[in-house]
Every structure is written in structure tokens, then in C-alpha cells.
Amino acid sequence: INECLSGDHGCDVNARCGNIIGSYFCQCLQGYSGDGDSCYDVDECTQGNRLCEHDCMNQPGTYSCVCSPGYAVTADLHNCT
């Protein structure tokens, strides 16, 4: 039985289901953390990585960079000009 295809699994909506012989496993998607049965959003902006030149805005499963007024985000989506 492929529990992933049948929907007969307990994976979180923010997890992927992987079918294995006789069972299945759940793994949180990138940008989420947890055990697969329960996944929560990782706030990349609070991890101190200095991802953005100006301001960082957390979004479900990801983040985006926001520039101060008068500036625009550059093509790399991290810096401002």
C-alpha cells in the first residue's frame, strides 16, 4: 500500500510523504522544522544570518528582503540600491 498516494498518512501539510516498503515517512519541507507529523515555520529573519541588507520579512517557509524607503531590492533579492 502506498500511503502517500492514498492519503492514509499523518504527514503535516508542510511535509512531504515518502513511501517505503510496508510503511512511509514524513519530512518537513525546506523552511519548516519538526518531526514531519507536525511542522512549523522557521523564522529565517531571527537566525542572525544577516540575510538582507536592510529589513528581512518572514513568510511561510521562506523570507523576503525589504528595502528602506527610497531604495529598491537588487537582482540578487538581498541587497538594496
Protein backbone atom coordinates (compact mmCIF):
# COMPACT_ATOMS: atom_id res chain seq x y z
CA ILE A 1 0.00 0.00 0.00
CA ASN A 2 1.32 3.44 -0.90
CA GLU A 3 0.07 5.56 2.00
CA CYS A 4 1.41 8.71 0.34
CA LEU A 5 -0.79 8.25 -2.74
CA SER A 6 -3.84 7.05 -0.85
CA GLY A 7 -3.65 9.92 1.66
CA ASP A 8 -3.63 7.42 4.53
CA HIS A 9 -0.70 9.03 6.36
CA GLY A 10 -0.20 11.51 9.19
CA CYS A 11 2.16 13.94 7.49
CA ASP A 12 1.76 17.65 8.13
CA VAL A 13 0.57 19.76 5.17
CA ASN A 14 4.06 21.33 5.20
CA ALA A 15 5.79 17.96 4.93
CA ARG A 16 6.47 15.51 2.15
CA CYS A 17 5.44 11.90 2.43
CA GLY A 18 7.90 9.23 1.34
CA ASN A 19 6.70 5.72 0.62
CA ILE A 20 8.86 2.80 1.80
CA ILE A 21 8.13 -0.92 1.79
CA GLY A 22 5.44 -1.60 4.38
CA SER A 23 5.34 1.97 5.69
CA TYR A 24 6.01 5.64 4.98
CA PHE A 25 7.93 8.58 6.42
CA CYS A 26 7.24 12.30 6.74
CA GLN A 27 9.83 15.05 6.30
CA CYS A 28 9.19 18.76 6.80
CA LEU A 29 9.65 20.91 3.71
CA GLN A 30 12.52 23.39 3.43
CA GLY A 31 11.80 26.43 5.59
CA TYR A 32 9.89 24.33 8.12
CA SER A 33 11.09 22.34 11.12
CA GLY A 34 9.60 19.49 13.11
CA ASP A 35 9.19 15.74 13.01
CA GLY A 36 7.14 15.57 9.81
CA ASP A 37 3.92 14.83 11.65
CA SER A 38 3.98 18.41 12.89
CA CYS A 39 5.93 21.12 11.06
CA TYR A 40 6.31 24.77 11.99
CA ASP A 41 7.66 27.72 10.04
CA VAL A 42 11.30 28.63 10.65
CA ASP A 43 11.74 32.39 11.02
CA GLU A 44 14.92 32.83 8.99
CA CYS A 45 14.99 36.54 9.87
CA THR A 46 15.67 35.84 13.56
CA GLN A 47 18.54 33.41 12.98
CA GLY A 48 21.16 36.16 12.87
CA ASN A 49 22.46 35.30 9.40
CA ARG A 50 22.06 38.89 8.18
CA LEU A 51 20.22 37.65 5.10
CA CYS A 52 19.12 41.10 3.95
CA GLU A 53 20.94 44.40 3.67
CA HIS A 54 18.02 46.38 5.14
CA ASP A 55 15.00 44.51 6.52
CA CYS A 56 14.00 40.87 6.49
CA MET A 57 10.35 39.78 6.36
CA ASN A 58 9.47 36.23 7.36
CA GLN A 59 6.99 34.39 5.13
CA PRO A 60 5.64 30.84 5.42
CA GLY A 61 8.54 28.55 4.50
CA THR A 62 10.79 31.38 3.34
CA TYR A 63 11.64 35.06 3.72
CA SER A 64 11.98 38.17 1.60
CA CYS A 65 14.14 41.26 1.82
CA VAL A 66 12.59 44.70 2.07
CA CYS A 67 14.44 47.95 1.47
CA SER A 68 14.07 51.22 3.33
CA PRO A 69 12.06 53.98 1.60
CA GLY A 70 13.93 55.37 -1.40
CA TYR A 71 15.77 52.11 -2.05
CA ALA A 72 14.95 49.15 -4.29
CA VAL A 73 15.84 45.49 -3.95
CA THR A 74 18.64 44.49 -6.34
CA ALA A 75 18.56 41.49 -8.71
CA ASP A 76 20.10 39.23 -6.02
CA LEU A 77 16.96 39.86 -3.88
CA HIS A 78 19.13 40.50 -0.79
CA ASN A 79 20.71 43.93 -1.24
CA CYS A 80 19.31 47.41 -1.80
CA THR A 81 20.28 50.21 -4.14
